Amino acid sequence: MPKFRRSAAVSALSAVTVGVLLSGCSASVSVGTPKLSAGKLASTLSAKLAATTGRPKPHITCPEDLKGKVGTATRCTLSADDGSTLGITVKVTSVEDGKINFDYKADDKVSPAAG
């Protein structure tokens, strides 16, 4: 029976990042229109996580723009160097004067690298 070995990167990802994300966090971004591009959302999440954990910015991708409508949600993915991933749900909490406020929360489990 094959054994799954957790690398240092996965351990660090699950121990530090997941612990921080599971507590639930929020952020806000000021934009000219009530929409936040996928790239800007990913870089904002990355910067918030780096500031919260004191670690380098993680690689995050978001598949779509975040529309500035309360309740709108999207899913982003944090990828570790070893190929493991962690899903992050982002949900708009309010929009005020073109500023989109949102909460984000990570999945409970890290997905190991494929292969």
PDB file of N, CA and C in Angstrom:
ATOM      1  N   MET A   1       0.847  -1.167   0.000  1.00  0.00           N
ATOM      2  CA  MET A   1       0.000   0.000   0.000  1.00  0.00           C
ATOM      3  C   MET A   1       0.895   1.233   0.000  1.00  0.00           C
ATOM      4  N   PRO A   2       0.718   2.174  -0.975  1.00  0.00           N
ATOM      5  CA  PRO A   2       1.577   3.353  -1.026  1.00  0.00           C
ATOM      6  C   PRO A   2       1.277   4.288   0.131  1.00  0.00           C
ATOM      7  N   LYS A   3       2.320   4.926   0.593  1.00  0.00           N
ATOM      8  CA  LYS A   3       2.165   5.889   1.678  1.00  0.00           C
ATOM      9  C   LYS A   3       2.284   7.293   1.110  1.00  0.00           C
ATOM     10  N   PHE A   4       1.493   8.202   1.614  1.00  0.00           N
ATOM     11  CA  PHE A   4       1.545   9.601   1.205  1.00  0.00           C
ATOM     12  C   PHE A   4       2.510  10.317   2.125  1.00  0.00           C
ATOM     13  N   ARG A   5       3.561  10.903   1.542  1.00  0.00           N
ATOM     14  CA  ARG A   5       4.532  11.647   2.330  1.00  0.00           C
ATOM     15  C   ARG A   5       4.244  13.131   2.190  1.00  0.00           C
ATOM     16  N   ARG A   6       4.095  13.784   3.289  1.00  0.00           N
ATOM     17  CA  ARG A   6       3.855  15.227   3.267  1.00  0.00           C
ATOM     18  C   ARG A   6       5.196  15.932   3.231  1.00  0.00           C
ATOM     19  N   SER A   7       5.367  16.769   2.253  1.00  0.00           N
ATOM     20  CA  SER A   7       6.615  17.523   2.150  1.00  0.00           C
ATOM     21  C   SER A   7       6.594  18.687   3.133  1.00  0.00           C
ATOM     22  N   ALA A   8       7.749  19.313   3.285  1.00  0.00           N
ATOM     23  CA  ALA A   8       7.851  20.474   4.179  1.00  0.00           C
ATOM     24  C   ALA A   8       6.937  21.591   3.696  1.00  0.00           C
ATOM     25  N   ALA A   9       6.828  21.720   2.367  1.00  0.00           N
ATOM     26  CA  ALA A   9       5.979  22.790   1.830  1.00  0.00           C
ATOM     27  C   ALA A   9       4.509  22.555   2.177  1.00  0.00           C
ATOM     28  N   VAL A  10       4.064  21.302   2.038  1.00  0.00           N
ATOM     29  CA  VAL A  10       2.673  21.001   2.382  1.00  0.00           C
ATOM     30  C   VAL A  10       2.442  21.199   3.867  1.00  0.00           C
ATOM     31  N   SER A  11       3.387  20.751   4.680  1.00  0.00           N
ATOM     32  CA  SER A  11       3.246  20.928   6.122  1.00  0.00           C
ATOM     33  C   SER A  11       3.177  22.399   6.491  1.00  0.00           C
ATOM     34  N   ALA A  12       4.048  23.189   5.880  1.00  0.00           N
ATOM     35  CA  ALA A  12       4.037  24.624   6.155  1.00  0.00           C
ATOM     36  C   ALA A  12       2.738  25.244   5.679  1.00  0.00           C
ATOM     37  N   LEU A  13       2.289  24.827   4.496  1.00  0.00           N
ATOM     38  CA  LEU A  13       1.048  25.344   3.940  1.00  0.00           C
ATOM     39  C   LEU A  13      -0.119  24.998   4.847  1.00  0.00           C
ATOM     40  N   SER A  14      -0.200  23.755   5.283  1.00  0.00           N
ATOM     41  CA  SER A  14      -1.331  23.363   6.105  1.00  0.00           C
ATOM     42  C   SER A  14      -1.241  23.912   7.519  1.00  0.00           C
ATOM     43  N   ALA A  15      -0.055  24.007   8.068  1.00  0.00           N
ATOM     44  CA  ALA A  15       0.088  24.460   9.451  1.00  0.00           C
ATOM     45  C   ALA A  15      -0.067  25.959   9.604  1.00  0.00           C
ATOM     46  N   VAL A  16       0.483  26.707   8.676  1.00  0.00           N
ATOM     47  CA  VAL A  16       0.463  28.163   8.815  1.00  0.00           C
ATOM     48  C   VAL A  16      -0.700  28.784   8.047  1.00  0.00           C
ATOM     49  N   THR A  17      -0.714  28.574   6.758  1.00  0.00           N
ATOM     50  CA  THR A  17      -1.711  29.235   5.924  1.00  0.00           C
ATOM     51  C   THR A  17      -3.120  28.778   6.237  1.00  0.00           C
ATOM     52  N   VAL A  18      -3.319  27.488   6.334  1.00  0.00           N
ATOM     53  CA  VAL A  18      -4.662  26.991   6.606  1.00  0.00           C
ATOM     54  C   VAL A  18      -5.151  27.499   7.952  1.00  0.00           C
ATOM     55  N   GLY A  19      -4.292  27.483   8.958  1.00  0.00           N
ATOM     56  CA  GLY A  19      -4.692  27.978  10.269  1.00  0.00           C
ATOM     57  C   GLY A  19      -5.147  29.420  10.221  1.00  0.00           C
ATOM     58  N   VAL A  20      -4.432  30.230   9.465  1.00  0.00           N
ATOM     59  CA  VAL A  20      -4.794  31.640   9.328  1.00  0.00           C
ATOM     60  C   VAL A  20      -6.085  31.781   8.541  1.00  0.00           C
ATOM     61  N   LEU A  21      -6.190  31.062   7.430  1.00  0.00           N
ATOM     62  CA  LEU A  21      -7.363  31.199   6.575  1.00  0.00           C
ATOM     63  C   LEU A  21      -8.629  30.653   7.212  1.00  0.00           C
ATOM     64  N   LEU A  22      -8.505  29.578   7.957  1.00  0.00           N
ATOM     65  CA  LEU A  22      -9.685  28.977   8.546  1.00  0.00           C
ATOM     66  C   LEU A  22     -10.351  29.882   9.563  1.00  0.00           C
ATOM     67  N   SER A  23      -9.594  30.793  10.111  1.00  0.00           N
ATOM     68  CA  SER A  23     -10.177  31.705  11.079  1.00  0.00           C
ATOM     69  C   SER A  23     -11.098  32.713  10.392  1.00  0.00           C
ATOM     70  N   GLY A  24     -11.016  32.814   9.057  1.00  0.00           N
ATOM     71  CA  GLY A  24     -11.839  33.749   8.308  1.00  0.00           C
ATOM     72  C   GLY A  24     -11.239  35.126   8.365  1.00  0.00           C
ATOM     73  N   CYS A  25     -11.102  35.732   7.244  1.00  0.00           N
ATOM     74  CA  CYS A  25     -10.495  37.043   7.153  1.00  0.00           C
ATOM     75  C   CYS A  25     -11.310  37.907   6.224  1.00  0.00           C
ATOM     76  N   SER A  26     -11.007  39.180   6.218  1.00  0.00           N
ATOM     77  CA  SER A  26     -11.697  40.070   5.303  1.00  0.00           C
ATOM     78  C   SER A  26     -10.716  41.078   4.752  1.00  0.00           C
ATOM     79  N   ALA A  27     -11.099  41.654   3.629  1.00  0.00           N
ATOM     80  CA  ALA A  27     -10.267  42.656   2.983  1.00  0.00           C
ATOM     81  C   ALA A  27     -11.167  43.564   2.176  1.00  0.00           C
ATOM     82  N   SER A  28     -10.621  44.662   1.730  1.00  0.00           N
ATOM     83  CA  SER A  28     -11.376  45.552   0.859  1.00  0.00           C
ATOM     84  C   SER A  28     -10.424  46.170  -0.148  1.00  0.00           C
ATOM     85  N   VAL A  29     -10.972  46.485  -1.292  1.00  0.00           N
ATOM     86  CA  VAL A  29     -10.195  47.073  -2.371  1.00  0.00           C
ATOM     87  C   VAL A  29     -11.018  48.174  -2.997  1.00  0.00           C
ATOM     88  N   SER A  30     -10.393  49.295  -3.216  1.00  0.00           N
ATOM     89  CA  SER A  30     -11.071  50.404  -3.857  1.00  0.00           C
ATOM     90  C   SER A  30     -10.856  50.313  -5.359  1.00  0.00           C
ATOM     91  N   VAL A  31     -11.923  50.301  -6.119  1.00  0.00           N
ATOM     92  CA  VAL A  31     -11.835  50.212  -7.571  1.00  0.00           C
ATOM     93  C   VAL A  31     -12.750  51.256  -8.190  1.00  0.00           C
ATOM     94  N   GLY A  32     -12.475  51.606  -9.456  1.00  0.00           N
ATOM     95  CA  GLY A  32     -13.274  52.621 -10.135  1.00  0.00           C
ATOM     96  C   GLY A  32     -14.667  52.143 -10.478  1.00  0.00           C
ATOM     97  N   THR A  33     -14.834  50.879 -10.772  1.00  0.00           N
ATOM     98  CA  THR A  33     -16.139  50.305 -11.086  1.00  0.00           C
ATOM     99  C   THR A  33     -16.401  49.163 -10.106  1.00  0.00           C
ATOM    100  N   PRO A  34     -17.659  48.783  -9.969  1.00  0.00           N
ATOM    101  CA  PRO A  34     -17.953  47.717  -9.009  1.00  0.00           C
ATOM    102  C   PRO A  34     -17.575  46.334  -9.542  1.00  0.00           C
ATOM    103  N   LYS A  35     -16.301  46.172  -9.922  1.00  0.00           N
ATOM    104  CA  LYS A  35     -15.788  44.879 -10.351  1.00  0.00           C
ATOM    105  C   LYS A  35     -14.296  44.851 -10.055  1.00  0.00           C
ATOM    106  N   LEU A  36     -13.811  43.730  -9.570  1.00  0.00           N
ATOM    107  CA  LEU A  36     -12.405  43.558  -9.254  1.00  0.00           C
ATOM    108  C   LEU A  36     -11.858  42.470 -10.168  1.00  0.00           C
ATOM    109  N   SER A  37     -10.822  42.783 -10.937  1.00  0.00           N
ATOM    110  CA  SER A  37     -10.281  41.803 -11.882  1.00  0.00           C
ATOM    111  C   SER A  37      -9.736  40.589 -11.141  1.00  0.00           C
ATOM    112  N   ALA A  38      -9.708  39.471 -11.826  1.00  0.00           N
ATOM    113  CA  ALA A  38      -9.203  38.230 -11.239  1.00  0.00           C
ATOM    114  C   ALA A  38      -7.754  38.402 -10.789  1.00  0.00           C
ATOM    115  N   GLY A  39      -6.944  39.075 -11.581  1.00  0.00           N
ATOM    116  CA  GLY A  39      -5.543  39.297 -11.236  1.00  0.00           C
ATOM    117  C   GLY A  39      -5.378  40.160 -10.001  1.00  0.00           C
ATOM    118  N   LYS A  40      -6.160  41.227  -9.908  1.00  0.00           N
ATOM    119  CA  LYS A  40      -6.083  42.118  -8.746  1.00  0.00           C
ATOM    120  C   LYS A  40      -6.580  41.403  -7.489  1.00  0.00           C
ATOM    121  N   LEU A  41      -7.628  40.598  -7.630  1.00  0.00           N
ATOM    122  CA  LEU A  41      -8.131  39.827  -6.503  1.00  0.00           C
ATOM    123  C   LEU A  41      -7.056  38.863  -6.004  1.00  0.00           C
ATOM    124  N   ALA A  42      -6.403  38.160  -6.920  1.00  0.00           N
ATOM    125  CA  ALA A  42      -5.347  37.211  -6.548  1.00  0.00           C
ATOM    126  C   ALA A  42      -4.191  37.920  -5.854  1.00  0.00           C
ATOM    127  N   SER A  43      -3.755  39.062  -6.386  1.00  0.00           N
ATOM    128  CA  SER A  43      -2.629  39.776  -5.769  1.00  0.00           C
ATOM    129  C   SER A  43      -3.017  40.364  -4.413  1.00  0.00           C
ATOM    130  N   THR A  44      -4.259  40.790  -4.260  1.00  0.00           N
ATOM    131  CA  THR A  44      -4.732  41.313  -2.971  1.00  0.00           C
ATOM    132  C   THR A  44      -4.753  40.202  -1.926  1.00  0.00           C
ATOM    133  N   LEU A  45      -5.286  39.033  -2.291  1.00  0.00           N
ATOM    134  CA  LEU A  45      -5.305  37.900  -1.366  1.00  0.00           C
ATOM    135  C   LEU A  45      -3.882  37.494  -0.978  1.00  0.00           C
ATOM    136  N   SER A  46      -2.994  37.436  -1.955  1.00  0.00           N
ATOM    137  CA  SER A  46      -1.605  37.061  -1.712  1.00  0.00           C
ATOM    138  C   SER A  46      -0.936  38.028  -0.736  1.00  0.00           C
ATOM    139  N   ALA A  47      -1.140  39.319  -0.948  1.00  0.00           N
ATOM    140  CA  ALA A  47      -0.554  40.337  -0.073  1.00  0.00           C
ATOM    141  C   ALA A  47      -1.134  40.243   1.344  1.00  0.00           C
ATOM    142  N   LYS A  48      -2.447  40.033   1.460  1.00  0.00           N
ATOM    143  CA  LYS A  48      -3.074  39.918   2.782  1.00  0.00           C
ATOM    144  C   LYS A  48      -2.539  38.705   3.536  1.00  0.00           C
ATOM    145  N   LEU A  49      -2.380  37.577   2.844  1.00  0.00           N
ATOM    146  CA  LEU A  49      -1.865  36.376   3.497  1.00  0.00           C
ATOM    147  C   LEU A  49      -0.418  36.561   3.931  1.00  0.00           C
ATOM    148  N   ALA A  50       0.387  37.187   3.081  1.00  0.00           N
ATOM    149  CA  ALA A  50       1.791  37.434   3.429  1.00  0.00           C
ATOM    150  C   ALA A  50       1.873  38.334   4.652  1.00  0.00           C
ATOM    151  N   ALA A  51       1.049  39.363   4.703  1.00  0.00           N
ATOM    152  CA  ALA A  51       1.063  40.288   5.838  1.00  0.00           C
ATOM    153  C   ALA A  51       0.592  39.592   7.117  1.00  0.00           C
ATOM    154  N   THR A  52      -0.386  38.715   6.990  1.00  0.00           N
ATOM    155  CA  THR A  52      -0.941  38.021   8.147  1.00  0.00           C
ATOM    156  C   THR A  52       0.023  36.968   8.693  1.00  0.00           C
ATOM    157  N   THR A  53       0.687  36.243   7.801  1.00  0.00           N
ATOM    158  CA  THR A  53       1.543  35.135   8.228  1.00  0.00           C
ATOM    159  C   THR A  53       3.007  35.527   8.415  1.00  0.00           C
ATOM    160  N   GLY A  54       3.437  36.673   7.829  1.00  0.00           N
ATOM    161  CA  GLY A  54       4.830  37.064   7.889  1.00  0.00           C
ATOM    162  C   GLY A  54       5.703  36.232   6.968  1.00  0.00           C
ATOM    163  N   ARG A  55       5.100  35.549   6.029  1.00  0.00           N
ATOM    164  CA  ARG A  55       5.804  34.701   5.074  1.00  0.00           C
ATOM    165  C   ARG A  55       5.744  35.348   3.690  1.00  0.00           C
ATOM    166  N   PRO A  56       6.540  34.857   2.735  1.00  0.00           N
ATOM    167  CA  PRO A  56       6.485  35.409   1.379  1.00  0.00           C
ATOM    168  C   PRO A  56       5.087  35.262   0.778  1.00  0.00           C
ATOM    169  N   LYS A  57       4.787  36.110  -0.192  1.00  0.00           N
ATOM    170  CA  LYS A  57       3.480  36.051  -0.851  1.00  0.00           C
ATOM    171  C   LYS A  57       3.294  34.701  -1.538  1.00  0.00           C
ATOM    172  N   PRO A  58       2.185  34.033  -1.255  1.00  0.00           N
ATOM    173  CA  PRO A  58       1.910  32.754  -1.924  1.00  0.00           C
ATOM    174  C   PRO A  58       1.388  32.992  -3.341  1.00  0.00           C
ATOM    175  N   HIS A  59       1.499  31.965  -4.177  1.00  0.00           N
ATOM    176  CA  HIS A  59       0.979  32.055  -5.539  1.00  0.00           C
ATOM    177  C   HIS A  59      -0.514  31.726  -5.501  1.00  0.00           C
ATOM    178  N   ILE A  60      -1.338  32.695  -5.896  1.00  0.00           N
ATOM    179  CA  ILE A  60      -2.786  32.524  -5.903  1.00  0.00           C
ATOM    180  C   ILE A  60      -3.309  32.871  -7.282  1.00  0.00           C
ATOM    181  N   THR A  61      -4.265  32.086  -7.760  1.00  0.00           N
ATOM    182  CA  THR A  61      -4.941  32.380  -9.022  1.00  0.00           C
ATOM    183  C   THR A  61      -6.443  32.405  -8.776  1.00  0.00           C
ATOM    184  N   CYS A  62      -7.118  33.287  -9.493  1.00  0.00           N
ATOM    185  CA  CYS A  62      -8.573  33.377  -9.427  1.00  0.00           C
ATOM    186  C   CYS A  62      -9.086  33.279 -10.870  1.00  0.00           C
ATOM    187  N   PRO A  63     -10.098  32.469 -11.123  1.00  0.00           N
ATOM    188  CA  PRO A  63     -10.541  32.211 -12.487  1.00  0.00           C
ATOM    189  C   PRO A  63     -11.403  33.305 -13.114  1.00  0.00           C
ATOM    190  N   GLU A  64     -11.926  34.202 -12.286  1.00  0.00           N
ATOM    191  CA  GLU A  64     -12.853  35.200 -12.824  1.00  0.00           C
ATOM    192  C   GLU A  64     -12.808  36.480 -12.005  1.00  0.00           C
ATOM    193  N   ASP A  65     -13.301  37.551 -12.601  1.00  0.00           N
ATOM    194  CA  ASP A  65     -13.417  38.824 -11.898  1.00  0.00           C
ATOM    195  C   ASP A  65     -14.457  38.689 -10.786  1.00  0.00           C
ATOM    196  N   LEU A  66     -14.302  39.495  -9.752  1.00  0.00           N
ATOM    197  CA  LEU A  66     -15.254  39.513  -8.650  1.00  0.00           C
ATOM    198  C   LEU A  66     -16.196  40.688  -8.859  1.00  0.00           C
ATOM    199  N   LYS A  67     -17.466  40.396  -9.068  1.00  0.00           N
ATOM    200  CA  LYS A  67     -18.467  41.443  -9.270  1.00  0.00           C
ATOM    201  C   LYS A  67     -18.822  42.072  -7.940  1.00  0.00           C
ATOM    202  N   GLY A  68     -18.950  43.397  -7.936  1.00  0.00           N
ATOM    203  CA  GLY A  68     -19.231  44.147  -6.719  1.00  0.00           C
ATOM    204  C   GLY A  68     -20.684  44.125  -6.333  1.00  0.00           C
ATOM    205  N   LYS A  69     -21.201  42.958  -6.046  1.00  0.00           N
ATOM    206  CA  LYS A  69     -22.583  42.802  -5.601  1.00  0.00           C
ATOM    207  C   LYS A  69     -22.559  41.945  -4.343  1.00  0.00           C
ATOM    208  N   VAL A  70     -23.162  42.417  -3.277  1.00  0.00           N
ATOM    209  CA  VAL A  70     -23.172  41.707  -2.003  1.00  0.00           C
ATOM    210  C   VAL A  70     -23.663  40.281  -2.202  1.00  0.00           C
ATOM    211  N   GLY A  71     -22.911  39.333  -1.648  1.00  0.00           N
ATOM    212  CA  GLY A  71     -23.265  37.919  -1.751  1.00  0.00           C
ATOM    213  C   GLY A  71     -22.578  37.198  -2.896  1.00  0.00           C
ATOM    214  N   THR A  72     -22.022  37.946  -3.858  1.00  0.00           N
ATOM    215  CA  THR A  72     -21.320  37.317  -4.969  1.00  0.00           C
ATOM    216  C   THR A  72     -20.087  36.599  -4.428  1.00  0.00           C
ATOM    217  N   ALA A  73     -19.833  35.407  -4.945  1.00  0.00           N
ATOM    218  CA  ALA A  73     -18.685  34.626  -4.478  1.00  0.00           C
ATOM    219  C   ALA A  73     -17.903  34.075  -5.660  1.00  0.00           C
ATOM    220  N   THR A  74     -16.636  33.797  -5.432  1.00  0.00           N
ATOM    221  CA  THR A  74     -15.785  33.131  -6.408  1.00  0.00           C
ATOM    222  C   THR A  74     -14.809  32.248  -5.652  1.00  0.00           C
ATOM    223  N   ARG A  75     -14.152  31.370  -6.386  1.00  0.00           N
ATOM    224  CA  ARG A  75     -13.180  30.456  -5.794  1.00  0.00           C
ATOM    225  C   ARG A  75     -11.804  30.753  -6.380  1.00  0.00           C
ATOM    226  N   CYS A  76     -10.818  30.874  -5.526  1.00  0.00           N
ATOM    227  CA  CYS A  76      -9.439  31.065  -5.940  1.00  0.00           C
ATOM    228  C   CYS A  76      -8.637  29.869  -5.447  1.00  0.00           C
ATOM    229  N   THR A  77      -7.415  29.727  -5.961  1.00  0.00           N
ATOM    230  CA  THR A  77      -6.568  28.596  -5.593  1.00  0.00           C
ATOM    231  C   THR A  77      -5.189  29.067  -5.199  1.00  0.00           C
ATOM    232  N   LEU A  78      -4.728  28.631  -4.034  1.00  0.00           N
ATOM    233  CA  LEU A  78      -3.373  28.877  -3.570  1.00  0.00           C
ATOM    234  C   LEU A  78      -2.566  27.633  -3.949  1.00  0.00           C
ATOM    235  N   SER A  79      -1.437  27.835  -4.654  1.00  0.00           N
ATOM    236  CA  SER A  79      -0.590  26.723  -5.086  1.00  0.00           C
ATOM    237  C   SER A  79       0.765  26.793  -4.387  1.00  0.00           C
ATOM    238  N   ALA A  80       1.184  25.670  -3.789  1.00  0.00           N
ATOM    239  CA  ALA A  80       2.490  25.584  -3.137  1.00  0.00           C
ATOM    240  C   ALA A  80       3.535  25.157  -4.163  1.00  0.00           C
ATOM    241  N   ASP A  81       4.802  25.337  -3.820  1.00  0.00           N
ATOM    242  CA  ASP A  81       5.901  24.981  -4.711  1.00  0.00           C
ATOM    243  C   ASP A  81       5.907  23.505  -5.099  1.00  0.00           C
ATOM    244  N   ASP A  82       5.402  22.649  -4.230  1.00  0.00           N
ATOM    245  CA  ASP A  82       5.411  21.208  -4.515  1.00  0.00           C
ATOM    246  C   ASP A  82       4.203  20.756  -5.331  1.00  0.00           C
ATOM    247  N   GLY A  83       3.334  21.691  -5.723  1.00  0.00           N
ATOM    248  CA  GLY A  83       2.172  21.360  -6.540  1.00  0.00           C
ATOM    249  C   GLY A  83       0.893  21.136  -5.759  1.00  0.00           C
ATOM    250  N   SER A  84       0.959  21.113  -4.440  1.00  0.00           N
ATOM    251  CA  SER A  84      -0.259  20.976  -3.656  1.00  0.00           C
ATOM    252  C   SER A  84      -1.052  22.287  -3.744  1.00  0.00           C
ATOM    253  N   THR A  85      -2.359  22.193  -3.538  1.00  0.00           N
ATOM    254  CA  THR A  85      -3.223  23.371  -3.676  1.00  0.00           C
ATOM    255  C   THR A  85      -4.192  23.477  -2.509  1.00  0.00           C
ATOM    256  N   LEU A  86      -4.707  24.674  -2.349  1.00  0.00           N
ATOM    257  CA  LEU A  86      -5.692  24.956  -1.321  1.00  0.00           C
ATOM    258  C   LEU A  86      -6.726  25.902  -1.918  1.00  0.00           C
ATOM    259  N   GLY A  87      -7.987  25.517  -1.873  1.00  0.00           N
ATOM    260  CA  GLY A  87      -9.066  26.362  -2.390  1.00  0.00           C
ATOM    261  C   GLY A  87      -9.416  27.458  -1.402  1.00  0.00           C
ATOM    262  N   ILE A  88      -9.759  28.629  -1.941  1.00  0.00           N
ATOM    263  CA  ILE A  88     -10.145  29.773  -1.119  1.00  0.00           C
ATOM    264  C   ILE A  88     -11.455  30.332  -1.676  1.00  0.00           C
ATOM    265  N   THR A  89     -12.453  30.465  -0.821  1.00  0.00           N
ATOM    266  CA  THR A  89     -13.722  31.065  -1.226  1.00  0.00           C
ATOM    267  C   THR A  89     -13.705  32.539  -0.850  1.00  0.00           C
ATOM    268  N   VAL A  90     -14.067  33.386  -1.803  1.00  0.00           N
ATOM    269  CA  VAL A  90     -14.119  34.832  -1.597  1.00  0.00           C
ATOM    270  C   VAL A  90     -15.571  35.264  -1.772  1.00  0.00           C
ATOM    271  N   LYS A  91     -16.079  36.046  -0.817  1.00  0.00           N
ATOM    272  CA  LYS A  91     -17.480  36.477  -0.877  1.00  0.00           C
ATOM    273  C   LYS A  91     -17.586  37.968  -0.575  1.00  0.00           C
ATOM    274  N   VAL A  92     -18.292  38.692  -1.438  1.00  0.00           N
ATOM    275  CA  VAL A  92     -18.488  40.137  -1.265  1.00  0.00           C
ATOM    276  C   VAL A  92     -19.418  40.381  -0.086  1.00  0.00           C
ATOM    277  N   THR A  93     -18.955  41.237   0.844  1.00  0.00           N
ATOM    278  CA  THR A  93     -19.757  41.561   2.027  1.00  0.00           C
ATOM    279  C   THR A  93     -20.446  42.917   1.914  1.00  0.00           C
ATOM    280  N   SER A  94     -19.825  43.851   1.173  1.00  0.00           N
ATOM    281  CA  SER A  94     -20.440  45.160   0.956  1.00  0.00           C
ATOM    282  C   SER A  94     -19.713  45.883  -0.175  1.00  0.00           C
ATOM    283  N   VAL A  95     -20.389  46.867  -0.732  1.00  0.00           N
ATOM    284  CA  VAL A  95     -19.796  47.730  -1.757  1.00  0.00           C
ATOM    285  C   VAL A  95     -20.173  49.158  -1.391  1.00  0.00           C
ATOM    286  N   GLU A  96     -19.148  49.983  -1.177  1.00  0.00           N
ATOM    287  CA  GLU A  96     -19.397  51.366  -0.773  1.00  0.00           C
ATOM    288  C   GLU A  96     -18.535  52.307  -1.607  1.00  0.00           C
ATOM    289  N   ASP A  97     -19.162  53.171  -2.374  1.00  0.00           N
ATOM    290  CA  ASP A  97     -18.446  54.145  -3.198  1.00  0.00           C
ATOM    291  C   ASP A  97     -17.373  53.493  -4.072  1.00  0.00           C
ATOM    292  N   GLY A  98     -17.714  52.397  -4.734  1.00  0.00           N
ATOM    293  CA  GLY A  98     -16.779  51.708  -5.610  1.00  0.00           C
ATOM    294  C   GLY A  98     -15.775  50.832  -4.901  1.00  0.00           C
ATOM    295  N   LYS A  99     -15.858  50.731  -3.595  1.00  0.00           N
ATOM    296  CA  LYS A  99     -14.945  49.907  -2.803  1.00  0.00           C
ATOM    297  C   LYS A  99     -15.624  48.577  -2.483  1.00  0.00           C
ATOM    298  N   ILE A 100     -15.013  47.485  -2.952  1.00  0.00           N
ATOM    299  CA  ILE A 100     -15.564  46.152  -2.732  1.00  0.00           C
ATOM    300  C   ILE A 100     -14.935  45.565  -1.468  1.00  0.00           C
ATOM    301  N   ASN A 101     -15.763  45.255  -0.494  1.00  0.00           N
ATOM    302  CA  ASN A 101     -15.298  44.616   0.737  1.00  0.00           C
ATOM    303  C   ASN A 101     -15.659  43.140   0.657  1.00  0.00           C
ATOM    304  N   PHE A 102     -14.728  42.284   1.039  1.00  0.00           N
ATOM    305  CA  PHE A 102     -14.993  40.855   0.945  1.00  0.00           C
ATOM    306  C   PHE A 102     -14.333  40.088   2.079  1.00  0.00           C
ATOM    307  N   ASP A 103     -14.889  38.921   2.363  1.00  0.00           N
ATOM    308  CA  ASP A 103     -14.321  37.965   3.308  1.00  0.00           C
ATOM    309  C   ASP A 103     -13.752  36.821   2.484  1.00  0.00           C
ATOM    310  N   TYR A 104     -12.771  36.123   3.057  1.00  0.00           N
ATOM    311  CA  TYR A 104     -12.237  34.942   2.383  1.00  0.00           C
ATOM    312  C   TYR A 104     -11.962  33.857   3.403  1.00  0.00           C
ATOM    313  N   LYS A 105     -12.106  32.613   2.952  1.00  0.00           N
ATOM    314  CA  LYS A 105     -11.931  31.463   3.836  1.00  0.00           C
ATOM    315  C   LYS A 105     -11.394  30.303   3.013  1.00  0.00           C
ATOM    316  N   ALA A 106     -10.410  29.610   3.565  1.00  0.00           N
ATOM    317  CA  ALA A 106      -9.807  28.463   2.885  1.00  0.00           C
ATOM    318  C   ALA A 106     -10.586  27.186   3.160  1.00  0.00           C
ATOM    319  N   ASP A 107     -10.402  26.238   2.251  1.00  0.00           N
ATOM    320  CA  ASP A 107     -10.954  24.902   2.463  1.00  0.00           C
ATOM    321  C   ASP A 107     -10.289  24.283   3.691  1.00  0.00           C
ATOM    322  N   ASP A 108     -10.901  23.244   4.212  1.00  0.00           N
ATOM    323  CA  ASP A 108     -10.365  22.542   5.385  1.00  0.00           C
ATOM    324  C   ASP A 108      -9.164  21.664   5.048  1.00  0.00           C
ATOM    325  N   LYS A 109      -9.053  21.257   3.783  1.00  0.00           N
ATOM    326  CA  LYS A 109      -8.004  20.305   3.411  1.00  0.00           C
ATOM    327  C   LYS A 109      -7.148  20.826   2.268  1.00  0.00           C
ATOM    328  N   VAL A 110      -5.870  20.498   2.328  1.00  0.00           N
ATOM    329  CA  VAL A 110      -4.931  20.769   1.244  1.00  0.00           C
ATOM    330  C   VAL A 110      -5.036  19.598   0.269  1.00  0.00           C
ATOM    331  N   SER A 111      -5.063  19.897  -1.034  1.00  0.00           N
ATOM    332  CA  SER A 111      -5.046  18.853  -2.046  1.00  0.00           C
ATOM    333  C   SER A 111      -3.605  18.567  -2.439  1.00  0.00           C
ATOM    334  N   PRO A 112      -3.167  17.322  -2.311  1.00  0.00           N
ATOM    335  CA  PRO A 112      -1.777  17.005  -2.670  1.00  0.00           C
ATOM    336  C   PRO A 112      -1.550  17.161  -4.161  1.00  0.00           C
ATOM    337  N   ALA A 113      -0.296  17.304  -4.543  1.00  0.00           N
ATOM    338  CA  ALA A 113       0.067  17.416  -5.949  1.00  0.00           C
ATOM    339  C   ALA A 113      -0.367  16.163  -6.701  1.00  0.00           C
ATOM    340  N   ALA A 114      -0.808  16.345  -7.935  1.00  0.00           N
ATOM    341  CA  ALA A 114      -1.200  15.211  -8.762  1.00  0.00           C
ATOM    342  C   ALA A 114       0.030  14.404  -9.150  1.00  0.00           C
ATOM    343  N   GLY A 115      -0.144  13.129  -9.242  1.00  0.00           N
ATOM    344  CA  GLY A 115       0.951  12.295  -9.748  1.00  0.00           C
ATOM    345  C   GLY A 115       1.470  11.450  -8.725  1.00  0.00           C
TER     346      GLY A 115
END
